C-alpha cells in the first residue's frame, strides 16, 4: 500500500469513527460509501499513472473516463437509495488532505555530491525557461518575434 493510501485510510477511519459517534447512521454509511469509492478510484488512478510512466502502453486514458463514470454511477445509485449527500461528498474528499500530507512528508531528492553546477555567468542559463520548464529553441523565438 502506498504512503498516500495509508494516510488516506487513517483520515477516512478517523472521519468514520467521529461520524459514528456524533452523526446519524445514514450519514456514517454515506461517509463509508464515499470513502470506499474514493479509495478504489485513487488506487486505480495511481496504478494507471505508474503504468503510463513505466512506458506500458494501453488504455490508461480510457481508464480515467471510466473511473469518473463509475464514481458518477455509484453516487447516483447511492443518492437514489437515500444516502446523505454531505456524507458522500466528505467520504469522496478524504484523499485531498491525504495527498497534501503525503506531499509534505516526501523527502527532498538526493543530490549527488559530484553534481556540477553551472557558474552564474554561463550562457547556458539563457537556453532554459524556468517558467515553462523547458529549453528555449532560438529558431522558435525568431519565428515568434514581430
C-alpha atoms as a PDB file:
ATOM      1  CA  UNK A   1       0.000   0.000   0.000  1.00  0.00           C
ATOM      2  CA  UNK A   2       1.297   3.429  -0.951  1.00  0.00           C
ATOM      3  CA  UNK A   3       2.098   6.006   1.742  1.00  0.00           C
ATOM      4  CA  UNK A   4      -0.658   8.296   0.449  1.00  0.00           C
ATOM      5  CA  UNK A   5      -3.154   5.458   0.644  1.00  0.00           C
ATOM      6  CA  UNK A   6      -2.135   4.737   4.249  1.00  0.00           C
ATOM      7  CA  UNK A   7      -2.616   8.391   5.199  1.00  0.00           C
ATOM      8  CA  UNK A   8      -5.935   8.402   3.358  1.00  0.00           C
ATOM      9  CA  UNK A   9      -7.044   5.283   5.218  1.00  0.00           C
ATOM     10  CA  UNK A  10      -6.139   6.946   8.526  1.00  0.00           C
ATOM     11  CA  UNK A  11      -8.050  10.118   7.690  1.00  0.00           C
ATOM     12  CA  UNK A  12     -11.069   8.188   6.433  1.00  0.00           C
ATOM     13  CA  UNK A  13     -11.000   5.946   9.519  1.00  0.00           C
ATOM     14  CA  UNK A  14     -10.909   8.962  11.814  1.00  0.00           C
ATOM     15  CA  UNK A  15     -13.755  10.618   9.933  1.00  0.00           C
ATOM     16  CA  UNK A  16     -15.823   7.427  10.064  1.00  0.00           C
ATOM     17  CA  UNK A  17     -15.192   6.952  13.810  1.00  0.00           C
ATOM     18  CA  UNK A  18     -16.129  10.562  14.518  1.00  0.00           C
ATOM     19  CA  UNK A  19     -19.200  10.258  12.343  1.00  0.00           C
ATOM     20  CA  UNK A  20     -20.259   7.031  14.059  1.00  0.00           C
ATOM     21  CA  UNK A  21     -20.034   8.767  17.429  1.00  0.00           C
ATOM     22  CA  UNK A  22     -21.650  12.083  16.525  1.00  0.00           C
ATOM     23  CA  UNK A  23     -23.792  11.746  13.393  1.00  0.00           C
ATOM     24  CA  UNK A  24     -26.860   9.759  12.375  1.00  0.00           C
ATOM     25  CA  UNK A  25     -26.259   6.274  10.924  1.00  0.00           C
ATOM     26  CA  UNK A  26     -27.279   7.285   7.392  1.00  0.00           C
ATOM     27  CA  UNK A  27     -24.544   9.946   7.392  1.00  0.00           C
ATOM     28  CA  UNK A  28     -21.946   7.427   8.593  1.00  0.00           C
ATOM     29  CA  UNK A  29     -22.943   4.849   5.965  1.00  0.00           C
ATOM     30  CA  UNK A  30     -22.766   7.539   3.276  1.00  0.00           C
ATOM     31  CA  UNK A  31     -19.323   8.567   4.511  1.00  0.00           C
ATOM     32  CA  UNK A  32     -18.129   4.940   4.394  1.00  0.00           C
ATOM     33  CA  UNK A  33     -19.516   4.505   0.876  1.00  0.00           C
ATOM     34  CA  UNK A  34     -17.882   7.735  -0.343  1.00  0.00           C
ATOM     35  CA  UNK A  35     -14.539   6.818   1.245  1.00  0.00           C
ATOM     36  CA  UNK A  36     -14.689   3.363  -0.364  1.00  0.00           C
ATOM     37  CA  UNK A  37     -15.433   4.755  -3.837  1.00  0.00           C
ATOM     38  CA  UNK A  38     -12.675   7.322  -3.455  1.00  0.00           C
ATOM     39  CA  UNK A  39     -10.115   4.746  -2.252  1.00  0.00           C
ATOM     40  CA  UNK A  40     -10.839   2.473  -5.217  1.00  0.00           C
ATOM     41  CA  UNK A  41     -10.710   5.437  -7.589  1.00  0.00           C
ATOM     42  CA  UNK A  42      -7.409   6.735  -6.201  1.00  0.00           C
ATOM     43  CA  UNK A  43      -5.838   3.280  -6.349  1.00  0.00           C
ATOM     44  CA  UNK A  44      -6.894   2.911  -9.993  1.00  0.00           C
ATOM     45  CA  UNK A  45      -5.566   6.385 -10.781  1.00  0.00           C
ATOM     46  CA  UNK A  46      -2.221   5.641  -9.132  1.00  0.00           C
ATOM     47  CA  UNK A  47      -1.844   2.274 -10.871  1.00  0.00           C
ATOM     48  CA  UNK A  48      -2.658   3.672 -14.300  1.00  0.00           C
ATOM     49  CA  UNK A  49      -0.267   6.592 -13.767  1.00  0.00           C
ATOM     50  CA  UNK A  50       2.515   4.229 -12.724  1.00  0.00           C
ATOM     51  CA  UNK A  51       1.855   2.107 -15.822  1.00  0.00           C
ATOM     52  CA  UNK A  52       1.968   5.192 -18.032  1.00  0.00           C
ATOM     53  CA  UNK A  53       5.278   6.429 -16.616  1.00  0.00           C
ATOM     54  CA  UNK A  54       6.738   2.917 -16.762  1.00  0.00           C
ATOM     55  CA  UNK A  55       6.202   3.018 -20.513  1.00  0.00           C
ATOM     56  CA  UNK A  56       3.497   0.401 -20.546  1.00  0.00           C
ATOM     57  CA  UNK A  57       1.057   1.448 -23.230  1.00  0.00           C
ATOM     58  CA  UNK A  58      -2.536   0.526 -23.170  1.00  0.00           C
ATOM     59  CA  UNK A  59      -5.805   2.072 -22.324  1.00  0.00           C
ATOM     60  CA  UNK A  60      -4.748   4.222 -19.380  1.00  0.00           C
ATOM     61  CA  UNK A  61      -6.564   7.274 -20.767  1.00  0.00           C
ATOM     62  CA  UNK A  62      -9.794   5.327 -21.156  1.00  0.00           C
ATOM     63  CA  UNK A  63      -9.393   4.306 -17.521  1.00  0.00           C
ATOM     64  CA  UNK A  64      -9.643   7.949 -16.460  1.00  0.00           C
ATOM     65  CA  UNK A  65     -13.018   8.338 -18.139  1.00  0.00           C
ATOM     66  CA  UNK A  66     -14.286   5.012 -16.838  1.00  0.00           C
ATOM     67  CA  UNK A  67     -13.206   5.922 -13.326  1.00  0.00           C
ATOM     68  CA  UNK A  68     -15.259   9.121 -13.360  1.00  0.00           C
ATOM     69  CA  UNK A  69     -18.167   7.274 -14.938  1.00  0.00           C
ATOM     70  CA  UNK A  70     -18.143   4.655 -12.181  1.00  0.00           C
ATOM     71  CA  UNK A  71     -17.984   7.340  -9.491  1.00  0.00           C
ATOM     72  CA  UNK A  72     -20.921   9.195 -11.058  1.00  0.00           C
ATOM     73  CA  UNK A  73     -22.893   5.959 -11.341  1.00  0.00           C
ATOM     74  CA  UNK A  74     -22.083   4.992  -7.747  1.00  0.00           C
ATOM     75  CA  UNK A  75     -23.065   8.432  -6.455  1.00  0.00           C
ATOM     76  CA  UNK A  76     -26.317   8.375  -8.433  1.00  0.00           C
ATOM     77  CA  UNK A  77     -27.258   4.942  -7.090  1.00  0.00           C
ATOM     78  CA  UNK A  78     -26.278   5.902  -3.531  1.00  0.00           C
ATOM     79  CA  UNK A  79     -28.275   9.138  -3.609  1.00  0.00           C
ATOM     80  CA  UNK A  80     -31.277   7.356  -5.102  1.00  0.00           C
ATOM     81  CA  UNK A  81     -31.031   4.794  -2.288  1.00  0.00           C
ATOM     82  CA  UNK A  82     -31.186   7.569   0.325  1.00  0.00           C
ATOM     83  CA  UNK A  83     -27.541   8.318   1.075  1.00  0.00           C
ATOM     84  CA  UNK A  84     -26.737  11.589   2.788  1.00  0.00           C
ATOM     85  CA  UNK A  85     -25.150  13.862   0.134  1.00  0.00           C
ATOM     86  CA  UNK A  86     -22.784  15.661   2.543  1.00  0.00           C
ATOM     87  CA  UNK A  87     -21.518  12.386   3.986  1.00  0.00           C
ATOM     88  CA  UNK A  88     -20.981  11.020   0.490  1.00  0.00           C
ATOM     89  CA  UNK A  89     -19.007  14.068  -0.624  1.00  0.00           C
ATOM     90  CA  UNK A  90     -16.946  14.117   2.589  1.00  0.00           C
ATOM     91  CA  UNK A  91     -16.087  10.468   2.052  1.00  0.00           C
ATOM     92  CA  UNK A  92     -15.073  11.175  -1.524  1.00  0.00           C
ATOM     93  CA  UNK A  93     -12.903  14.098  -0.377  1.00  0.00           C
ATOM     94  CA  UNK A  94     -10.648  12.385   2.160  1.00  0.00           C
ATOM     95  CA  UNK A  95      -7.924  11.900  -0.444  1.00  0.00           C
ATOM     96  CA  UNK A  96      -7.297  15.648  -0.750  1.00  0.00           C
ATOM     97  CA  UNK A  97      -5.779  16.142   2.724  1.00  0.00           C
ATOM     98  CA  UNK A  98      -4.042  12.760   2.389  1.00  0.00           C
ATOM     99  CA  UNK A  99      -2.255  13.870  -0.782  1.00  0.00           C
ATOM    100  CA  UNK A 100      -1.264  17.189   0.821  1.00  0.00           C
ATOM    101  CA  UNK A 101       0.098  15.459   3.934  1.00  0.00           C
ATOM    102  CA  UNK A 102       1.951  12.869   1.838  1.00  0.00           C
ATOM    103  CA  UNK A 103       3.467  15.653  -0.272  1.00  0.00           C
ATOM    104  CA  UNK A 104       4.800  17.406   2.830  1.00  0.00           C
ATOM    105  CA  UNK A 105       6.240  14.125   4.113  1.00  0.00           C
ATOM    106  CA  UNK A 106       8.047  13.453   0.838  1.00  0.00           C
ATOM    107  CA  UNK A 107      11.805  13.716   1.377  1.00  0.00           C
ATOM    108  CA  UNK A 108      13.769  16.018  -0.902  1.00  0.00           C
ATOM    109  CA  UNK A 109      15.527  14.365  -3.825  1.00  0.00           C
ATOM    110  CA  UNK A 110      19.027  13.155  -3.183  1.00  0.00           C
ATOM    111  CA  UNK A 111      21.632  15.202  -4.990  1.00  0.00           C
ATOM    112  CA  UNK A 112      24.991  13.686  -5.737  1.00  0.00           C
ATOM    113  CA  UNK A 113      27.970  15.407  -4.184  1.00  0.00           C
ATOM    114  CA  UNK A 114      29.642  15.099  -7.568  1.00  0.00           C
ATOM    115  CA  UNK A 115      26.936  17.033  -9.398  1.00  0.00           C
ATOM    116  CA  UNK A 116      28.201  20.091 -11.203  1.00  0.00           C
ATOM    117  CA  UNK A 117      26.519  23.459 -11.138  1.00  0.00           C
ATOM    118  CA  UNK A 118      26.799  25.980 -13.903  1.00  0.00           C
ATOM    119  CA  UNK A 119      28.519  29.221 -12.992  1.00  0.00           C
ATOM    120  CA  UNK A 120      26.108  32.173 -12.766  1.00  0.00           C
ATOM    121  CA  UNK A 121      27.554  33.849 -15.876  1.00  0.00           C
ATOM    122  CA  UNK A 122      27.356  30.725 -18.076  1.00  0.00           C
ATOM    123  CA  UNK A 123      25.424  31.399 -21.338  1.00  0.00           C
ATOM    124  CA  UNK A 124      23.601  28.055 -20.983  1.00  0.00           C
ATOM    125  CA  UNK A 125      21.341  29.700 -18.385  1.00  0.00           C
ATOM    126  CA  UNK A 126      19.769  31.674 -21.238  1.00  0.00           C
ATOM    127  CA  UNK A 127      18.767  28.473 -23.058  1.00  0.00           C
ATOM    128  CA  UNK A 128      16.183  27.373 -20.471  1.00  0.00           C
ATOM    129  CA  UNK A 129      12.868  28.918 -19.484  1.00  0.00           C
ATOM    130  CA  UNK A 130      12.168  28.040 -15.825  1.00  0.00           C
ATOM    131  CA  UNK A 131       8.580  29.311 -16.034  1.00  0.00           C
ATOM    132  CA  UNK A 132       7.714  26.829 -18.771  1.00  0.00           C
ATOM    133  CA  UNK A 133      10.177  24.163 -17.548  1.00  0.00           C
ATOM    134  CA  UNK A 134      11.611  23.630 -20.983  1.00  0.00           C
ATOM    135  CA  UNK A 135      14.540  24.644 -23.149  1.00  0.00           C
ATOM    136  CA  UNK A 136      14.280  27.682 -25.357  1.00  0.00           C
ATOM    137  CA  UNK A 137      14.791  26.979 -29.028  1.00  0.00           C
ATOM    138  CA  UNK A 138      16.254  30.001 -30.749  1.00  0.00           C
ATOM    139  CA  UNK A 139      14.558  29.237 -34.083  1.00  0.00           C
ATOM    140  CA  UNK A 140      11.132  29.261 -32.333  1.00  0.00           C
ATOM    141  CA  UNK A 141      11.983  32.568 -30.697  1.00  0.00           C
ATOM    142  CA  UNK A 142      12.847  34.163 -34.041  1.00  0.00           C
ATOM    143  CA  UNK A 143       9.546  32.996 -35.586  1.00  0.00           C
ATOM    144  CA  UNK A 144       7.515  34.430 -32.691  1.00  0.00           C
ATOM    145  CA  UNK A 145       9.160  37.860 -32.759  1.00  0.00           C
ATOM    146  CA  UNK A 146       7.466  40.574 -34.768  1.00  0.00           C
END
